[in-house]
Amino acid sequence: MPSVNHKFLFKELNNEKNCYVSCIKDNAFKAKFFKCEIGASAFVLALLARLCDNCFDELDEAYLSAESCIAEEEAFDLLDFLKEADFIVFDENLKKHKDYENIKFFLSFLAKKFNLKLANSANEEGEFKCCEFKELKALDNYDGLVVLDSKLDDKFLHCSKQFLNIAKAKNEDILEFKLDGASFKAKLCLNDDLQGTVALLNINSKDFAFKKLIINS
């Protein structure tokens, strides 16, 4: 969600031509959107690398496509975009992803392959050092309701109509729930720009920003 979590970068990028790969759409971001599974960044990057270079024959593109939810046709669209791009920009929160070493490796590989600059969402440029490909770690299960830790100006739980329906709750209800075993209470705030099962909440976590939400019974 660049318009929420990276406002300075968002202002810089929003008038440029961009492709945006994420599990959640940012309607304010005028970029071509490619929806992937939560936490599937390493799989998306591995798929792109596999499709553009024969040195990754050990990777199964059909498996990577199915797990990441990025179709091969979409992956080829992204590769075509990289041929004309200047930068690959990645979210800083990926540094807290459990498979960050592979994410670094594939970001570096694609940047070199397409002669691109690498930058993170804090607008810091630079190359990674000591990158090594290791076996991809299995994706975590994010079935059900999920919270994305977000830099909001309030403490409301911003969510979609689908989220409310699954939670069996109404707009402005107070919801009690757990994230990573910790208890929370927040007022629900319907946001018509959001879709799906990922809600936004400012919890200022120091871990990976996506967390499964368990409603207190």
N, C-alpha and C. Protein backbone atom coordinates (compact mmCIF):
# COMPACT_ATOMS: atom_id res chain seq x y z
N MET A 1 0.83 -1.20 0.00
CA MET A 1 0.00 0.00 0.00
C MET A 1 0.87 1.25 0.00
N PRO A 2 1.47 1.60 -1.13
CA PRO A 2 2.36 2.77 -1.17
C PRO A 2 1.70 4.06 -0.69
N SER A 3 0.44 4.27 -1.04
CA SER A 3 -0.21 5.53 -0.68
C SER A 3 -0.43 5.66 0.82
N VAL A 4 -0.37 4.55 1.55
CA VAL A 4 -0.55 4.55 2.99
C VAL A 4 0.78 4.45 3.72
N ASN A 5 1.62 3.51 3.30
CA ASN A 5 2.84 3.19 4.05
C ASN A 5 4.10 3.87 3.55
N HIS A 6 4.08 4.39 2.33
CA HIS A 6 5.28 5.01 1.77
C HIS A 6 4.88 6.27 0.98
N LYS A 7 4.39 7.24 1.70
CA LYS A 7 3.74 8.39 1.06
C LYS A 7 4.71 9.22 0.22
N PHE A 8 5.95 9.37 0.67
CA PHE A 8 6.91 10.16 -0.10
C PHE A 8 7.23 9.46 -1.42
N LEU A 9 7.50 8.16 -1.34
CA LEU A 9 7.78 7.39 -2.54
C LEU A 9 6.56 7.37 -3.47
N PHE A 10 5.38 7.24 -2.87
CA PHE A 10 4.14 7.22 -3.65
C PHE A 10 3.99 8.48 -4.50
N LYS A 11 4.27 9.64 -3.90
CA LYS A 11 4.16 10.90 -4.64
C LYS A 11 5.15 10.95 -5.80
N GLU A 12 6.34 10.38 -5.58
CA GLU A 12 7.35 10.37 -6.63
C GLU A 12 6.97 9.45 -7.78
N LEU A 13 6.42 8.29 -7.45
CA LEU A 13 6.18 7.26 -8.46
C LEU A 13 4.84 7.38 -9.17
N ASN A 14 3.88 8.02 -8.54
CA ASN A 14 2.50 7.89 -9.02
C ASN A 14 2.26 8.55 -10.38
N ASN A 15 3.15 9.40 -10.82
CA ASN A 15 3.00 9.99 -12.16
C ASN A 15 3.91 9.32 -13.18
N GLU A 16 4.58 8.24 -12.77
CA GLU A 16 5.42 7.47 -13.68
C GLU A 16 4.68 6.20 -14.11
N LYS A 17 5.27 5.49 -15.06
CA LYS A 17 4.71 4.21 -15.48
C LYS A 17 5.26 3.12 -14.58
N ASN A 18 4.39 2.39 -13.91
CA ASN A 18 4.81 1.38 -12.96
C ASN A 18 4.01 0.10 -13.09
N CYS A 19 4.63 -1.00 -12.68
CA CYS A 19 3.93 -2.24 -12.40
C CYS A 19 4.03 -2.49 -10.90
N TYR A 20 2.96 -2.97 -10.32
CA TYR A 20 2.85 -3.10 -8.87
C TYR A 20 2.43 -4.52 -8.54
N VAL A 21 3.32 -5.28 -7.88
CA VAL A 21 3.03 -6.66 -7.52
C VAL A 21 2.78 -6.73 -6.02
N SER A 22 1.61 -7.16 -5.63
CA SER A 22 1.25 -7.20 -4.21
C SER A 22 0.03 -8.10 -4.03
N CYS A 23 -0.23 -8.45 -2.78
CA CYS A 23 -1.45 -9.22 -2.49
C CYS A 23 -2.64 -8.30 -2.25
N ILE A 24 -2.40 -7.01 -2.18
CA ILE A 24 -3.49 -6.07 -1.89
C ILE A 24 -3.37 -4.88 -2.84
N LYS A 25 -4.47 -4.52 -3.45
CA LYS A 25 -4.48 -3.43 -4.43
C LYS A 25 -4.57 -2.08 -3.73
N ASP A 26 -3.76 -1.16 -4.21
CA ASP A 26 -3.80 0.23 -3.74
C ASP A 26 -4.47 1.05 -4.83
N ASN A 27 -5.74 1.36 -4.63
CA ASN A 27 -6.51 2.03 -5.69
C ASN A 27 -5.99 3.43 -6.00
N ALA A 28 -5.26 4.04 -5.07
CA ALA A 28 -4.72 5.38 -5.32
C ALA A 28 -3.46 5.33 -6.18
N PHE A 29 -2.85 4.16 -6.29
CA PHE A 29 -1.59 4.01 -7.02
C PHE A 29 -1.90 3.69 -8.48
N LYS A 30 -1.54 4.62 -9.37
CA LYS A 30 -1.85 4.47 -10.79
C LYS A 30 -0.80 3.60 -11.48
N ALA A 31 -0.80 2.33 -11.12
CA ALA A 31 0.16 1.38 -11.68
C ALA A 31 -0.61 0.15 -12.16
N LYS A 32 -0.02 -0.60 -13.08
CA LYS A 32 -0.62 -1.86 -13.51
C LYS A 32 -0.45 -2.86 -12.39
N PHE A 33 -1.55 -3.41 -11.90
CA PHE A 33 -1.54 -4.23 -10.69
C PHE A 33 -1.49 -5.72 -11.04
N PHE A 34 -0.59 -6.44 -10.34
CA PHE A 34 -0.49 -7.89 -10.46
C PHE A 34 -0.69 -8.46 -9.06
N LYS A 35 -1.75 -9.22 -8.88
CA LYS A 35 -2.08 -9.75 -7.55
C LYS A 35 -1.37 -11.07 -7.31
N CYS A 36 -0.68 -11.16 -6.16
CA CYS A 36 -0.02 -12.40 -5.78
C CYS A 36 -0.51 -12.84 -4.40
N GLU A 37 -0.10 -14.02 -3.99
CA GLU A 37 -0.43 -14.50 -2.65
C GLU A 37 0.35 -13.72 -1.59
N ILE A 38 -0.20 -13.67 -0.38
CA ILE A 38 0.49 -13.00 0.72
C ILE A 38 1.82 -13.71 1.00
N GLY A 39 2.87 -12.93 1.10
CA GLY A 39 4.17 -13.48 1.45
C GLY A 39 4.86 -14.25 0.35
N ALA A 40 4.39 -14.11 -0.91
CA ALA A 40 4.91 -14.92 -2.01
C ALA A 40 5.98 -14.22 -2.83
N SER A 41 6.59 -13.18 -2.30
CA SER A 41 7.55 -12.38 -3.08
C SER A 41 8.69 -13.23 -3.64
N ALA A 42 9.25 -14.12 -2.83
CA ALA A 42 10.36 -14.95 -3.31
C ALA A 42 9.92 -15.83 -4.47
N PHE A 43 8.69 -16.34 -4.43
CA PHE A 43 8.18 -17.20 -5.50
C PHE A 43 7.95 -16.40 -6.77
N VAL A 44 7.43 -15.18 -6.64
CA VAL A 44 7.21 -14.32 -7.81
C VAL A 44 8.54 -14.01 -8.49
N LEU A 45 9.53 -13.62 -7.71
CA LEU A 45 10.84 -13.28 -8.25
C LEU A 45 11.52 -14.50 -8.87
N ALA A 46 11.37 -15.65 -8.21
CA ALA A 46 11.94 -16.88 -8.74
C ALA A 46 11.30 -17.26 -10.07
N LEU A 47 10.00 -17.05 -10.18
CA LEU A 47 9.30 -17.33 -11.44
C LEU A 47 9.83 -16.44 -12.56
N LEU A 48 10.01 -15.17 -12.28
CA LEU A 48 10.54 -14.25 -13.29
C LEU A 48 11.94 -14.68 -13.73
N ALA A 49 12.77 -15.06 -12.76
CA ALA A 49 14.13 -15.50 -13.08
C ALA A 49 14.11 -16.78 -13.90
N ARG A 50 13.25 -17.71 -13.53
CA ARG A 50 13.16 -18.99 -14.26
C ARG A 50 12.74 -18.78 -15.71
N LEU A 51 11.83 -17.86 -15.94
CA LEU A 51 11.30 -17.66 -17.29
C LEU A 51 12.24 -16.86 -18.19
N CYS A 52 13.22 -16.19 -17.61
CA CYS A 52 14.10 -15.36 -18.44
C CYS A 52 15.52 -15.89 -18.54
N ASP A 53 15.81 -17.01 -17.84
CA ASP A 53 17.18 -17.52 -17.89
C ASP A 53 17.19 -19.04 -17.65
N ASN A 54 17.93 -19.76 -18.46
CA ASN A 54 17.97 -21.22 -18.37
C ASN A 54 18.79 -21.73 -17.20
N CYS A 55 19.47 -20.86 -16.48
CA CYS A 55 20.32 -21.32 -15.38
C CYS A 55 19.50 -21.76 -14.16
N PHE A 56 18.18 -21.58 -14.22
CA PHE A 56 17.33 -21.99 -13.10
C PHE A 56 16.43 -23.17 -13.49
N ASP A 57 17.02 -24.13 -14.22
CA ASP A 57 16.24 -25.28 -14.71
C ASP A 57 15.65 -26.11 -13.57
N GLU A 58 16.29 -26.05 -12.39
CA GLU A 58 15.79 -26.86 -11.27
C GLU A 58 14.48 -26.33 -10.70
N LEU A 59 14.12 -25.11 -11.07
CA LEU A 59 12.87 -24.52 -10.59
C LEU A 59 11.72 -24.89 -11.53
N ASP A 60 10.59 -25.24 -10.95
CA ASP A 60 9.40 -25.64 -11.71
C ASP A 60 8.49 -24.43 -11.86
N GLU A 61 8.42 -23.88 -13.09
CA GLU A 61 7.64 -22.66 -13.27
C GLU A 61 6.15 -22.86 -13.00
N ALA A 62 5.62 -24.05 -13.29
CA ALA A 62 4.20 -24.30 -13.03
C ALA A 62 3.92 -24.26 -11.52
N TYR A 63 4.83 -24.82 -10.74
CA TYR A 63 4.69 -24.81 -9.28
C TYR A 63 4.80 -23.38 -8.75
N LEU A 64 5.80 -22.64 -9.22
CA LEU A 64 5.99 -21.26 -8.77
C LEU A 64 4.78 -20.40 -9.12
N SER A 65 4.24 -20.60 -10.31
CA SER A 65 3.08 -19.85 -10.75
C SER A 65 1.86 -20.15 -9.88
N ALA A 66 1.64 -21.44 -9.61
CA ALA A 66 0.48 -21.84 -8.81
C ALA A 66 0.60 -21.33 -7.37
N GLU A 67 1.79 -21.44 -6.79
CA GLU A 67 1.98 -21.03 -5.39
C GLU A 67 1.90 -19.52 -5.22
N SER A 68 2.42 -18.78 -6.19
CA SER A 68 2.44 -17.32 -6.07
C SER A 68 1.16 -16.67 -6.57
N CYS A 69 0.37 -17.45 -7.36
CA CYS A 69 -0.87 -16.94 -7.96
C CYS A 69 -0.59 -15.91 -9.07
N ILE A 70 0.61 -15.95 -9.63
CA ILE A 70 0.95 -15.14 -10.80
C ILE A 70 0.98 -16.07 -12.01
N ALA A 71 0.09 -15.82 -12.97
CA ALA A 71 0.06 -16.65 -14.17
C ALA A 71 1.32 -16.41 -15.00
N GLU A 72 1.73 -17.42 -15.77
CA GLU A 72 2.93 -17.27 -16.59
C GLU A 72 2.78 -16.12 -17.58
N GLU A 73 1.58 -15.93 -18.11
CA GLU A 73 1.34 -14.81 -19.02
C GLU A 73 1.59 -13.48 -18.32
N GLU A 74 1.15 -13.37 -17.06
CA GLU A 74 1.41 -12.15 -16.29
C GLU A 74 2.91 -11.98 -16.03
N ALA A 75 3.58 -13.09 -15.76
CA ALA A 75 5.02 -13.03 -15.52
C ALA A 75 5.76 -12.52 -16.75
N PHE A 76 5.35 -12.97 -17.93
CA PHE A 76 5.98 -12.49 -19.16
C PHE A 76 5.68 -11.00 -19.38
N ASP A 77 4.49 -10.55 -18.98
CA ASP A 77 4.18 -9.11 -19.05
C ASP A 77 5.14 -8.32 -18.15
N LEU A 78 5.41 -8.85 -16.97
CA LEU A 78 6.33 -8.18 -16.05
C LEU A 78 7.75 -8.16 -16.63
N LEU A 79 8.16 -9.25 -17.24
CA LEU A 79 9.50 -9.30 -17.85
C LEU A 79 9.61 -8.31 -19.00
N ASP A 80 8.55 -8.17 -19.78
CA ASP A 80 8.55 -7.18 -20.87
C ASP A 80 8.68 -5.77 -20.30
N PHE A 81 8.01 -5.53 -19.16
CA PHE A 81 8.10 -4.22 -18.52
C PHE A 81 9.53 -3.95 -18.04
N LEU A 82 10.18 -4.96 -17.49
CA LEU A 82 11.54 -4.79 -16.97
C LEU A 82 12.52 -4.39 -18.06
N LYS A 83 12.24 -4.80 -19.29
CA LYS A 83 13.13 -4.45 -20.40
C LYS A 83 13.16 -2.94 -20.64
N GLU A 84 12.09 -2.25 -20.25
CA GLU A 84 11.99 -0.81 -20.48
C GLU A 84 12.13 0.00 -19.20
N ALA A 85 12.26 -0.68 -18.06
CA ALA A 85 12.23 0.00 -16.76
C ALA A 85 13.59 0.58 -16.40
N ASP A 86 13.60 1.38 -15.35
CA ASP A 86 14.84 1.95 -14.80
C ASP A 86 15.18 1.36 -13.43
N PHE A 87 14.13 1.06 -12.66
CA PHE A 87 14.31 0.62 -11.28
C PHE A 87 13.49 -0.62 -10.97
N ILE A 88 13.97 -1.38 -10.01
CA ILE A 88 13.13 -2.30 -9.24
C ILE A 88 13.09 -1.74 -7.83
N VAL A 89 11.89 -1.46 -7.34
CA VAL A 89 11.71 -0.91 -6.00
C VAL A 89 11.00 -1.96 -5.15
N PHE A 90 11.59 -2.29 -4.00
CA PHE A 90 10.98 -3.31 -3.14
C PHE A 90 10.65 -2.71 -1.78
N ASP A 91 9.62 -3.27 -1.17
CA ASP A 91 9.17 -2.78 0.13
C ASP A 91 10.18 -3.15 1.21
N GLU A 92 10.53 -2.18 2.03
CA GLU A 92 11.49 -2.41 3.13
C GLU A 92 11.06 -3.55 4.05
N ASN A 93 9.76 -3.74 4.19
CA ASN A 93 9.28 -4.78 5.10
C ASN A 93 9.72 -6.17 4.67
N LEU A 94 10.10 -6.34 3.40
CA LEU A 94 10.58 -7.64 2.95
C LEU A 94 11.86 -8.06 3.66
N LYS A 95 12.56 -7.11 4.28
CA LYS A 95 13.75 -7.46 5.06
C LYS A 95 13.37 -8.35 6.25
N LYS A 96 12.08 -8.33 6.64
CA LYS A 96 11.61 -9.13 7.77
C LYS A 96 10.93 -10.42 7.29
N HIS A 97 10.93 -10.65 5.99
CA HIS A 97 10.35 -11.87 5.41
C HIS A 97 11.27 -13.04 5.74
N LYS A 98 10.69 -14.19 6.02
CA LYS A 98 11.50 -15.35 6.42
C LYS A 98 12.41 -15.85 5.29
N ASP A 99 12.09 -15.51 4.04
CA ASP A 99 12.91 -15.94 2.91
C ASP A 99 13.61 -14.74 2.26
N TYR A 100 14.03 -13.80 3.09
CA TYR A 100 14.65 -12.58 2.56
C TYR A 100 15.94 -12.87 1.79
N GLU A 101 16.69 -13.89 2.18
CA GLU A 101 17.94 -14.20 1.47
C GLU A 101 17.68 -14.53 0.01
N ASN A 102 16.64 -15.31 -0.27
CA ASN A 102 16.29 -15.61 -1.66
C ASN A 102 15.70 -14.40 -2.36
N ILE A 103 14.94 -13.59 -1.63
CA ILE A 103 14.41 -12.36 -2.21
C ILE A 103 15.56 -11.46 -2.67
N LYS A 104 16.56 -11.30 -1.82
CA LYS A 104 17.75 -10.51 -2.19
C LYS A 104 18.43 -11.09 -3.42
N PHE A 105 18.58 -12.41 -3.43
CA PHE A 105 19.27 -13.06 -4.55
C PHE A 105 18.56 -12.78 -5.87
N PHE A 106 17.25 -12.98 -5.90
CA PHE A 106 16.52 -12.82 -7.16
C PHE A 106 16.36 -11.35 -7.55
N LEU A 107 16.24 -10.46 -6.56
CA LEU A 107 16.23 -9.03 -6.89
C LEU A 107 17.56 -8.64 -7.56
N SER A 108 18.66 -9.11 -7.00
CA SER A 108 19.97 -8.81 -7.57
C SER A 108 20.11 -9.40 -8.96
N PHE A 109 19.66 -10.64 -9.11
CA PHE A 109 19.76 -11.30 -10.42
C PHE A 109 18.99 -10.52 -11.49
N LEU A 110 17.75 -10.16 -11.18
CA LEU A 110 16.91 -9.46 -12.17
C LEU A 110 17.45 -8.07 -12.46
N ALA A 111 17.97 -7.39 -11.43
CA ALA A 111 18.54 -6.06 -11.65
C ALA A 111 19.72 -6.13 -12.61
N LYS A 112 20.58 -7.14 -12.44
CA LYS A 112 21.73 -7.29 -13.32
C LYS A 112 21.30 -7.76 -14.71
N LYS A 113 20.34 -8.66 -14.76
CA LYS A 113 19.87 -9.20 -16.03
C LYS A 113 19.31 -8.10 -16.93
N PHE A 114 18.58 -7.15 -16.35
CA PHE A 114 17.92 -6.11 -17.14
C PHE A 114 18.59 -4.74 -16.98
N ASN A 115 19.76 -4.74 -16.35
CA ASN A 115 20.52 -3.49 -16.17
C ASN A 115 19.68 -2.43 -15.46
N LEU A 116 19.13 -2.81 -14.33
CA LEU A 116 18.24 -1.93 -13.55
C LEU A 116 18.91 -1.51 -12.24
N LYS A 117 18.48 -0.38 -11.73
CA LYS A 117 18.89 0.04 -10.40
C LYS A 117 17.95 -0.57 -9.38
N LEU A 118 18.48 -0.85 -8.20
CA LEU A 118 17.68 -1.38 -7.10
C LEU A 118 17.48 -0.30 -6.05
N ALA A 119 16.26 -0.19 -5.54
CA ALA A 119 15.97 0.76 -4.46
C ALA A 119 14.91 0.16 -3.55
N ASN A 120 14.92 0.58 -2.29
CA ASN A 120 13.86 0.14 -1.39
C ASN A 120 12.84 1.26 -1.21
N SER A 121 11.81 0.99 -0.44
CA SER A 121 10.71 1.95 -0.29
C SER A 121 11.10 3.17 0.53
N ALA A 122 12.30 3.15 1.13
CA ALA A 122 12.81 4.34 1.82
C ALA A 122 13.64 5.20 0.87
N ASN A 123 13.59 4.85 -0.42
CA ASN A 123 14.29 5.60 -1.47
C ASN A 123 15.81 5.47 -1.36
N GLU A 124 16.27 4.36 -0.82
CA GLU A 124 17.69 4.09 -0.71
C GLU A 124 18.12 3.17 -1.85
N GLU A 125 19.10 3.61 -2.63
CA GLU A 125 19.60 2.81 -3.73
C GLU A 125 20.83 2.02 -3.31
N GLY A 126 21.08 0.92 -4.03
CA GLY A 126 22.29 0.16 -3.75
C GLY A 126 22.13 -1.29 -4.14
N GLU A 127 23.26 -1.99 -4.20
CA GLU A 127 23.26 -3.39 -4.55
C GLU A 127 23.40 -4.24 -3.28
N PHE A 128 22.93 -5.49 -3.37
CA PHE A 128 23.11 -6.42 -2.27
C PHE A 128 24.47 -7.11 -2.40
N LYS A 129 25.06 -7.42 -1.28
CA LYS A 129 26.32 -8.16 -1.28
C LYS A 129 26.08 -9.56 -0.71
N CYS A 130 26.90 -10.50 -1.14
CA CYS A 130 26.87 -11.86 -0.60
C CYS A 130 25.50 -12.51 -0.77
N CYS A 131 24.93 -12.42 -1.98
CA CYS A 131 23.64 -13.05 -2.25
C CYS A 131 23.86 -14.48 -2.72
N GLU A 132 23.09 -15.38 -2.18
CA GLU A 132 23.22 -16.80 -2.54
C GLU A 132 21.84 -17.43 -2.61
N PHE A 133 21.61 -18.22 -3.67
CA PHE A 133 20.32 -18.89 -3.82
C PHE A 133 20.29 -20.13 -2.94
N LYS A 134 19.22 -20.23 -2.14
CA LYS A 134 18.99 -21.41 -1.31
C LYS A 134 17.61 -21.97 -1.64
N GLU A 135 17.31 -23.12 -1.13
CA GLU A 135 16.00 -23.71 -1.38
C GLU A 135 14.90 -22.78 -0.90
N LEU A 136 13.91 -22.56 -1.73
CA LEU A 136 12.81 -21.67 -1.36
C LEU A 136 12.06 -22.21 -0.15
N LYS A 137 11.75 -21.32 0.78
CA LYS A 137 11.00 -21.72 1.96
C LYS A 137 9.50 -21.75 1.64
N ALA A 138 8.82 -22.74 2.17
CA ALA A 138 7.38 -22.89 1.90
C ALA A 138 6.62 -21.66 2.37
N LEU A 139 5.55 -21.35 1.65
CA LEU A 139 4.74 -20.19 2.01
C LEU A 139 3.94 -20.47 3.29
N ASP A 140 3.79 -19.43 4.11
CA ASP A 140 2.92 -19.53 5.27
C ASP A 140 1.46 -19.52 4.83
N ASN A 141 0.62 -20.08 5.67
CA ASN A 141 -0.81 -20.14 5.38
C ASN A 141 -1.50 -18.88 5.91
N TYR A 142 -2.07 -18.10 4.98
CA TYR A 142 -2.79 -16.90 5.36
C TYR A 142 -4.28 -17.00 5.03
N ASP A 143 -4.81 -18.23 5.05
CA ASP A 143 -6.25 -18.39 4.85
C ASP A 143 -7.00 -17.69 5.99
N GLY A 144 -8.17 -17.13 5.65
CA GLY A 144 -8.96 -16.43 6.66
C GLY A 144 -8.68 -14.95 6.65
N LEU A 145 -8.88 -14.31 7.77
CA LEU A 145 -8.72 -12.86 7.88
C LEU A 145 -7.28 -12.49 8.22
N VAL A 146 -6.82 -11.39 7.63
CA VAL A 146 -5.42 -10.98 7.77
C VAL A 146 -5.37 -9.49 8.03
N VAL A 147 -4.35 -9.06 8.78
CA VAL A 147 -4.11 -7.64 9.03
C VAL A 147 -2.77 -7.26 8.44
N LEU A 148 -2.75 -6.11 7.76
CA LEU A 148 -1.50 -5.52 7.29
C LEU A 148 -1.18 -4.34 8.20
N ASP A 149 -0.06 -4.43 8.90
CA ASP A 149 0.38 -3.32 9.75
C ASP A 149 0.63 -2.10 8.87
N SER A 150 -0.08 -1.00 9.14
CA SER A 150 -0.08 0.14 8.24
C SER A 150 0.13 1.45 9.00
N LYS A 151 0.73 2.41 8.33
CA LYS A 151 1.02 3.72 8.94
C LYS A 151 -0.19 4.63 8.83
N LEU A 152 -1.22 4.28 9.57
CA LEU A 152 -2.46 5.06 9.58
C LEU A 152 -2.41 6.12 10.67
N ASP A 153 -3.27 7.13 10.53
CA ASP A 153 -3.33 8.21 11.52
C ASP A 153 -4.31 7.91 12.64
N ASP A 154 -4.93 6.73 12.60
CA ASP A 154 -5.89 6.36 13.65
C ASP A 154 -5.64 4.92 14.06
N LYS A 155 -6.44 4.43 14.99
CA LYS A 155 -6.31 3.07 15.48
C LYS A 155 -7.49 2.19 15.07
N PHE A 156 -8.21 2.63 14.03
CA PHE A 156 -9.33 1.84 13.53
C PHE A 156 -8.81 0.66 12.70
N LEU A 157 -9.63 -0.38 12.61
CA LEU A 157 -9.34 -1.52 11.75
C LEU A 157 -10.06 -1.29 10.42
N HIS A 158 -9.34 -0.82 9.42
CA HIS A 158 -9.93 -0.48 8.12
C HIS A 158 -10.09 -1.75 7.30
N CYS A 159 -11.30 -2.01 6.82
CA CYS A 159 -11.56 -3.30 6.18
C CYS A 159 -12.59 -3.17 5.06
N SER A 160 -12.73 -4.25 4.30
CA SER A 160 -13.67 -4.31 3.17
C SER A 160 -15.01 -4.89 3.63
N LYS A 161 -15.99 -4.84 2.72
CA LYS A 161 -17.28 -5.47 3.00
C LYS A 161 -17.12 -6.98 3.18
N GLN A 162 -16.24 -7.58 2.37
CA GLN A 162 -16.00 -9.02 2.48
C GLN A 162 -15.43 -9.37 3.85
N PHE A 163 -14.53 -8.55 4.33
CA PHE A 163 -13.95 -8.76 5.66
C PHE A 163 -15.06 -8.72 6.72
N LEU A 164 -15.93 -7.71 6.65
CA LEU A 164 -17.04 -7.60 7.61
C LEU A 164 -17.93 -8.83 7.56
N ASN A 165 -18.21 -9.31 6.36
CA ASN A 165 -19.09 -10.48 6.22
C ASN A 165 -18.48 -11.72 6.86
N ILE A 166 -17.20 -11.93 6.61
CA ILE A 166 -16.53 -13.10 7.18
C ILE A 166 -16.43 -12.99 8.69
N ALA A 167 -16.18 -11.77 9.18
CA ALA A 167 -16.09 -11.54 10.62
C ALA A 167 -17.46 -11.54 11.29
N LYS A 168 -18.52 -11.57 10.48
CA LYS A 168 -19.89 -11.50 10.99
C LYS A 168 -20.07 -10.27 11.88
N ALA A 169 -19.63 -9.14 11.32
CA ALA A 169 -19.66 -7.89 12.07
C ALA A 169 -20.19 -6.77 11.19
N LYS A 170 -20.45 -5.62 11.78
CA LYS A 170 -20.94 -4.46 11.06
C LYS A 170 -19.94 -3.31 11.19
N ASN A 171 -20.05 -2.37 10.28
CA ASN A 171 -19.22 -1.18 10.33
C ASN A 171 -19.39 -0.48 11.69
N GLU A 172 -18.27 -0.07 12.27
CA GLU A 172 -18.19 0.62 13.56
C GLU A 172 -18.39 -0.30 14.77
N ASP A 173 -18.53 -1.62 14.55
CA ASP A 173 -18.51 -2.55 15.67
C ASP A 173 -17.11 -2.55 16.30
N ILE A 174 -17.04 -2.92 17.55
CA ILE A 174 -15.75 -3.12 18.23
C ILE A 174 -15.41 -4.61 18.12
N LEU A 175 -14.27 -4.90 17.54
CA LEU A 175 -13.85 -6.28 17.34
C LEU A 175 -12.68 -6.61 18.27
N GLU A 176 -12.80 -7.72 18.98
CA GLU A 176 -11.71 -8.20 19.83
C GLU A 176 -11.06 -9.39 19.13
N PHE A 177 -9.72 -9.38 19.04
CA PHE A 177 -9.04 -10.39 18.24
C PHE A 177 -7.60 -10.55 18.70
N LYS A 178 -6.94 -11.54 18.13
CA LYS A 178 -5.53 -11.79 18.44
C LYS A 178 -4.70 -11.74 17.16
N LEU A 179 -3.48 -11.19 17.28
CA LEU A 179 -2.48 -11.20 16.23
C LEU A 179 -1.20 -11.73 16.84
N ASP A 180 -0.67 -12.82 16.30
CA ASP A 180 0.54 -13.45 16.86
C ASP A 180 0.38 -13.73 18.35
N GLY A 181 -0.84 -14.07 18.77
CA GLY A 181 -1.09 -14.40 20.16
C GLY A 181 -1.36 -13.22 21.07
N ALA A 182 -1.12 -12.00 20.59
CA ALA A 182 -1.37 -10.80 21.40
C ALA A 182 -2.81 -10.32 21.17
N SER A 183 -3.44 -9.85 22.24
CA SER A 183 -4.84 -9.42 22.17
C SER A 183 -4.96 -7.96 21.74
N PHE A 184 -5.96 -7.70 20.91
CA PHE A 184 -6.24 -6.35 20.42
C PHE A 184 -7.74 -6.11 20.45
N LYS A 185 -8.09 -4.82 20.46
CA LYS A 185 -9.49 -4.39 20.35
C LYS A 185 -9.50 -3.14 19.47
N ALA A 186 -10.37 -3.14 18.45
CA ALA A 186 -10.39 -1.99 17.54
C ALA A 186 -11.78 -1.82 16.94
N LYS A 187 -12.11 -0.56 16.63
CA LYS A 187 -13.37 -0.28 15.96
C LYS A 187 -13.21 -0.56 14.46
N LEU A 188 -14.17 -1.26 13.88
CA LEU A 188 -14.15 -1.56 12.46
C LEU A 188 -14.54 -0.34 11.65
N CYS A 189 -13.82 -0.09 10.58
CA CYS A 189 -14.08 1.06 9.72
C CYS A 189 -14.14 0.57 8.27
N LEU A 190 -15.31 0.58 7.68
CA LEU A 190 -15.48 0.12 6.31
C LEU A 190 -14.79 1.08 5.35
N ASN A 191 -13.94 0.51 4.49
CA ASN A 191 -13.24 1.27 3.46
C ASN A 191 -13.60 0.66 2.11
N ASP A 192 -14.39 1.39 1.33
CA ASP A 192 -14.87 0.85 0.06
C ASP A 192 -13.77 0.66 -0.97
N ASP A 193 -12.60 1.24 -0.72
CA ASP A 193 -11.47 1.05 -1.64
C ASP A 193 -10.76 -0.27 -1.40
N LEU A 194 -11.03 -0.91 -0.26
CA LEU A 194 -10.39 -2.18 0.04
C LEU A 194 -11.24 -3.34 -0.46
N GLN A 195 -10.54 -4.41 -0.87
CA GLN A 195 -11.21 -5.62 -1.30
C GLN A 195 -10.54 -6.81 -0.63
N GLY A 196 -11.28 -7.90 -0.49
CA GLY A 196 -10.68 -9.12 0.02
C GLY A 196 -10.60 -9.17 1.54
N THR A 197 -9.72 -10.02 2.02
CA THR A 197 -9.70 -10.38 3.45
C THR A 197 -8.56 -9.72 4.22
N VAL A 198 -7.85 -8.79 3.60
CA VAL A 198 -6.75 -8.10 4.28
C VAL A 198 -7.24 -6.74 4.76
N ALA A 199 -7.14 -6.50 6.07
CA ALA A 199 -7.52 -5.22 6.67
C ALA A 199 -6.26 -4.45 7.07
N LEU A 200 -6.42 -3.16 7.30
CA LEU A 200 -5.30 -2.29 7.67
C LEU A 200 -5.45 -1.84 9.11
N LEU A 201 -4.34 -1.89 9.86
CA LEU A 201 -4.35 -1.46 11.26
C LEU A 201 -2.96 -0.99 11.64
N ASN A 202 -2.89 0.09 12.38
CA ASN A 202 -1.61 0.60 12.85
C ASN A 202 -1.26 -0.08 14.17
N ILE A 203 -0.34 -1.06 14.12
CA ILE A 203 0.08 -1.75 15.34
C ILE A 203 1.57 -1.56 15.61
N ASN A 204 2.27 -0.91 14.67
CA ASN A 204 3.69 -0.59 14.85
C ASN A 204 4.51 -1.83 15.19
N SER A 205 4.29 -2.89 14.42
CA SER A 205 5.00 -4.15 14.66
C SER A 205 6.43 -4.06 14.14
N LYS A 206 7.32 -4.81 14.77
CA LYS A 206 8.71 -4.88 14.31
C LYS A 206 8.95 -6.13 13.47
N ASP A 207 7.89 -6.88 13.18
CA ASP A 207 8.00 -8.13 12.42
C ASP A 207 7.41 -7.94 11.03
N PHE A 208 7.30 -9.07 10.30
CA PHE A 208 6.68 -9.03 8.98
C PHE A 208 5.26 -8.46 9.11
N ALA A 209 4.89 -7.59 8.20
CA ALA A 209 3.71 -6.74 8.37
C ALA A 209 2.37 -7.46 8.25
N PHE A 210 2.35 -8.64 7.63
CA PHE A 210 1.10 -9.38 7.47
C PHE A 210 0.92 -10.37 8.62
N LYS A 211 -0.26 -10.34 9.24
CA LYS A 211 -0.52 -11.20 10.39
C LYS A 211 -1.93 -11.78 10.31
N LYS A 212 -2.04 -13.07 10.62
CA LYS A 212 -3.36 -13.69 10.65
C LYS A 212 -4.15 -13.17 11.85
N LEU A 213 -5.42 -12.89 11.62
CA LEU A 213 -6.30 -12.36 12.66
C LEU A 213 -7.21 -13.49 13.17
N ILE A 214 -7.21 -13.68 14.46
CA ILE A 214 -8.08 -14.67 15.10
C ILE A 214 -9.08 -13.93 15.97
N ILE A 215 -10.36 -14.04 15.62
CA ILE A 215 -11.41 -13.35 16.40
C ILE A 215 -11.62 -14.08 17.72
N ASN A 216 -11.68 -13.31 18.82
CA ASN A 216 -11.93 -13.90 20.13
C ASN A 216 -13.33 -14.49 20.17
N SER A 217 -13.44 -15.69 20.68
CA SER A 217 -14.75 -16.34 20.74
C SER A 217 -15.51 -15.92 22.00
